[in-house]
Amino acid sequence: MIFFLIFLEIIEIASGRLLLVFNFINNGNQANKTFFNKTLSSQILHKNLLFVGYNIRQKYIQNQTFLSQNFNHSELLIISSDFNQTIENGYIILSGLYPIKTGPFLNKNFPLERAWPPFDNLTVEDNLNLDALPSKYQPIPIHNTNFKEDFIFNSYFLCPTYSTLIKNEKNTTDYIYYHEKARRMGKDLVNKYNLSLNTSNDENFEDLAFKISHNIYDIGQKFTLNNFTTLREMVKMVSDNKKKVQNGLVLTNYLSHILGTIENKIKNVVANNLKYVMYLGEEQMMFALVSMLNISSPDCLLEMWEHENKQFLNCENEFSKIGSRISIELHLNENNSSIDDPKKYYIKILYNDKSMNIFNMSSKEASLDELKSYFENFILKDFKKNCQNQEDNIKVSNSNFIKNKKLQEAENEIEANYEFITALIILETFLIIVVSVLIYFRKQKLI
């Protein structure tokens, strides 16, 4: 089996060269996230997140030698939403990607005059053989933007239109149909495990059901109440006429960032060392990505629950779990020497390292042009207009609007002052010239 996997890796490498990886990890705040045993659940969560990092290391460092064995700051870019838990979980994942003993160390050639002063009664010479940091820990930077200005991870919250669309969607027949199905699934699980819940109130039932999903987390069943929560979120995006706008409000800036990064990479493959971009975001973006990329759907989740054998292009589950991830890989087909060849660059999409059929095609690969064309369907051309509140067709968020307004007022004031000062300088220069001419003529006794 091991040799077979290695053989598959060799075939994959031979078919093209991996250039760039985008990895979105569901890694932060979840709605209704409550645990019966918070300490135990946190420990299990930390262990799972560390394992996510180990998997990434095994795939891109040990098996493919894509990333360097030791951390190279020019190869990695880590971007996180502005939540403490998301950032903390990100450091746990990175501890698996570059674990202890892979970080910086002091070697015997380190110059004595630059050595840190001795500690613990050790001499400078003894210190030279110590780790730069305890156990050769490798610190890796995580970049993030203020919550109120972050339109990559937080646009659905900053856009009033999104909340309105979701609220209206709950009145559609599609939503009511799937919501009732989800309730029935939840009740089935409650009865299966002889759990006592008050199901007379939807909100109470759903909150308690989510707690139960973590209690039965390690039972090993394929479809847990994690999917119950997932289904409830996904039914908000079932209407085709609204799916584009809803997903666009969530993903426009994220997809634009990916396309911009790809464009910069292709412009100079040799000089641009960036290889891996990790996005640490919340489940709302995960749901939008799953829906947009057709990785799953409410229909296929229901079929999975009811044990039907209908075939779907993709039908994955449990993407509401923290640590689930979607990867987009950019490959170079080195057999195509022509720069203009549309198949020179191609992409693969993976869910938890499993190759997905791409978009609406029965194919595991797509050209870069096909990726761009598909992404553009969900990139809103006038994002601000789609994002705006109908009462104010300018502001995108209160904080940004106020900030931009103040900046604009300051710029207008500076511009007005600049024009006034320029006029004064011109007038002053003219007067100096006139006075100088008068003084000259007076000296010449011409006046």
Foldseek 3Di string as FASTA:
>chain_A
DVVVVLVVLVVVCVQFHFQAKEKEFAFDDDPLDDAPDVVVLVVVLLVLLLVLLLVVQCVCCVRPVNDPLADDQLAEAAEEEPDPRLVVSVVSSVCNVQNFPRAAAAAQPPDLVPADCDDPPDHSNVRRGGGPDVSRDHDHDYDYDPNQPDQAFRLCVLFPLLVVLLVVLCPDPLLVVLLVLLLVLLVVVCVVVVHDADVPDPVRSLSVQSNVQSVCVPVPDQDTCLQSVLSNLQSSQPDPVCLLLNLLSRHQVVLVVVVVVVVVCVVPVPPRNHHYYYYRHHVNNVSSVCVLFVQAHSVLSSCVSVVHDDDDQHHDDDSNDGGKMKMKIKTARVVDPDPPPQQRIKIFMDTSNHTGCGRRHSDRMDTPVVVVVSVVSNNDPCNQQSRHDPVDRHDSHPVVVVVVVVVVVVVVVVVVVVVVVVVVVVVVVVVVVVVVVVVVCVVVVVD
